[in-house]
Amino acid sequence: MLKAGKALQVFYPNHIRVTCLAHGLHHIAEKICAQFPAVNDLIASGKKLFLKAPACVQFYKDCLPQAHRHLNLS
């Protein structure tokens, strides 16, 4: 977290905490999702299909062993 904060300090010299910046980016993402509901529904449907297919989940875990820890894949 400290490393990310130091890297972002270059672009945002007045930011106080990285969590505030992350919260702000989350709000921006929510606004974008509200403007494009069809895309948001498409992504949500893709997530549902992916999580309900055990073979796809296992393939993903095999191909990207470090990445699956960041998602809610059991």
C-alpha atoms as a PDB file:
ATOM      1  CA  MET A   1       0.000   0.000   0.000  1.00  0.00           C
ATOM      2  CA  LEU A   2       2.850   2.376   0.778  1.00  0.00           C
ATOM      3  CA  LYS A   3       4.538   1.625  -2.532  1.00  0.00           C
ATOM      4  CA  ALA A   4       1.306   2.402  -4.399  1.00  0.00           C
ATOM      5  CA  GLY A   5       0.915   5.613  -2.435  1.00  0.00           C
ATOM      6  CA  LYS A   6       4.416   6.765  -3.349  1.00  0.00           C
ATOM      7  CA  ALA A   7       3.811   5.956  -7.018  1.00  0.00           C
ATOM      8  CA  LEU A   8       0.514   7.857  -7.058  1.00  0.00           C
ATOM      9  CA  GLN A   9       2.078  10.829  -5.263  1.00  0.00           C
ATOM     10  CA  VAL A  10       3.732  11.767  -8.573  1.00  0.00           C
ATOM     11  CA  PHE A  11       0.374  12.120 -10.337  1.00  0.00           C
ATOM     12  CA  TYR A  12      -1.681  13.334  -7.378  1.00  0.00           C
ATOM     13  CA  PRO A  13       0.602  15.411  -5.123  1.00  0.00           C
ATOM     14  CA  ASN A  14      -2.278  16.659  -2.950  1.00  0.00           C
ATOM     15  CA  HIS A  15      -3.928  13.331  -2.174  1.00  0.00           C
ATOM     16  CA  ILE A  16      -4.021  12.378   1.484  1.00  0.00           C
ATOM     17  CA  ARG A  17      -4.545   8.624   1.422  1.00  0.00           C
ATOM     18  CA  VAL A  18      -4.606   5.958  -1.242  1.00  0.00           C
ATOM     19  CA  THR A  19      -7.897   4.667   0.136  1.00  0.00           C
ATOM     20  CA  CYS A  20      -9.520   8.032  -0.577  1.00  0.00           C
ATOM     21  CA  LEU A  21      -8.282   7.832  -4.149  1.00  0.00           C
ATOM     22  CA  ALA A  22      -9.567   4.263  -4.465  1.00  0.00           C
ATOM     23  CA  HIS A  23     -12.938   5.356  -3.115  1.00  0.00           C
ATOM     24  CA  GLY A  24     -13.056   8.162  -5.656  1.00  0.00           C
ATOM     25  CA  LEU A  25     -12.210   5.799  -8.515  1.00  0.00           C
ATOM     26  CA  HIS A  26     -14.969   3.471  -7.320  1.00  0.00           C
ATOM     27  CA  HIS A  27     -17.477   6.322  -7.522  1.00  0.00           C
ATOM     28  CA  ILE A  28     -16.320   7.119 -11.055  1.00  0.00           C
ATOM     29  CA  ALA A  29     -16.765   3.467 -12.032  1.00  0.00           C
ATOM     30  CA  GLU A  30     -20.296   3.491 -10.594  1.00  0.00           C
ATOM     31  CA  LYS A  31     -21.161   6.584 -12.661  1.00  0.00           C
ATOM     32  CA  ILE A  32     -19.863   4.897 -15.814  1.00  0.00           C
ATOM     33  CA  CYS A  33     -21.891   1.756 -15.068  1.00  0.00           C
ATOM     34  CA  ALA A  34     -24.994   3.903 -14.613  1.00  0.00           C
ATOM     35  CA  GLN A  35     -24.474   5.501 -18.039  1.00  0.00           C
ATOM     36  CA  PHE A  36     -24.004   2.159 -19.815  1.00  0.00           C
ATOM     37  CA  PRO A  37     -26.501  -0.274 -18.243  1.00  0.00           C
ATOM     38  CA  ALA A  38     -26.389  -2.713 -21.179  1.00  0.00           C
ATOM     39  CA  VAL A  39     -22.632  -3.168 -20.815  1.00  0.00           C
ATOM     40  CA  ASN A  40     -23.002  -3.502 -17.057  1.00  0.00           C
ATOM     41  CA  ASP A  41     -25.637  -6.231 -17.535  1.00  0.00           C
ATOM     42  CA  LEU A  42     -23.422  -8.017 -20.060  1.00  0.00           C
ATOM     43  CA  ILE A  43     -20.475  -8.073 -17.659  1.00  0.00           C
ATOM     44  CA  ALA A  44     -22.691  -9.242 -14.787  1.00  0.00           C
ATOM     45  CA  SER A  45     -24.075 -12.067 -16.942  1.00  0.00           C
ATOM     46  CA  GLY A  46     -20.564 -13.101 -17.940  1.00  0.00           C
ATOM     47  CA  LYS A  47     -19.521 -13.237 -14.296  1.00  0.00           C
ATOM     48  CA  LYS A  48     -22.526 -15.404 -13.421  1.00  0.00           C
ATOM     49  CA  LEU A  49     -21.798 -17.842 -16.238  1.00  0.00           C
ATOM     50  CA  PHE A  50     -18.115 -18.002 -15.376  1.00  0.00           C
ATOM     51  CA  LEU A  51     -18.680 -18.691 -11.695  1.00  0.00           C
ATOM     52  CA  LYS A  52     -21.266 -21.404 -12.369  1.00  0.00           C
ATOM     53  CA  ALA A  53     -18.945 -23.349 -14.689  1.00  0.00           C
ATOM     54  CA  PRO A  54     -16.448 -25.343 -12.573  1.00  0.00           C
ATOM     55  CA  ALA A  55     -14.371 -26.340 -15.612  1.00  0.00           C
ATOM     56  CA  CYS A  56     -13.866 -22.681 -16.551  1.00  0.00           C
ATOM     57  CA  VAL A  57     -12.914 -21.791 -12.990  1.00  0.00           C
ATOM     58  CA  GLN A  58     -10.371 -24.628 -12.842  1.00  0.00           C
ATOM     59  CA  PHE A  59      -8.911 -23.635 -16.224  1.00  0.00           C
ATOM     60  CA  TYR A  60      -8.563 -20.048 -14.999  1.00  0.00           C
ATOM     61  CA  LYS A  61      -6.861 -21.187 -11.789  1.00  0.00           C
ATOM     62  CA  ASP A  62      -4.453 -23.369 -13.767  1.00  0.00           C
ATOM     63  CA  CYS A  63      -3.538 -20.612 -16.232  1.00  0.00           C
ATOM     64  CA  LEU A  64      -3.270 -17.766 -13.718  1.00  0.00           C
ATOM     65  CA  PRO A  65      -2.503 -19.247 -10.288  1.00  0.00           C
ATOM     66  CA  GLN A  66      -1.760 -15.892  -8.615  1.00  0.00           C
ATOM     67  CA  ALA A  67      -4.694 -13.968 -10.070  1.00  0.00           C
ATOM     68  CA  HIS A  68      -7.529 -16.132  -8.730  1.00  0.00           C
ATOM     69  CA  ARG A  69      -6.744 -15.078  -5.150  1.00  0.00           C
ATOM     70  CA  HIS A  70      -8.059 -11.588  -5.941  1.00  0.00           C
ATOM     71  CA  LEU A  71     -11.431 -12.880  -7.126  1.00  0.00           C
ATOM     72  CA  ASN A  72     -14.156 -14.696  -5.236  1.00  0.00           C
ATOM     73  CA  LEU A  73     -13.381 -18.068  -6.776  1.00  0.00           C
ATOM     74  CA  SER A  74     -13.516 -20.931  -4.321  1.00  0.00           C
END
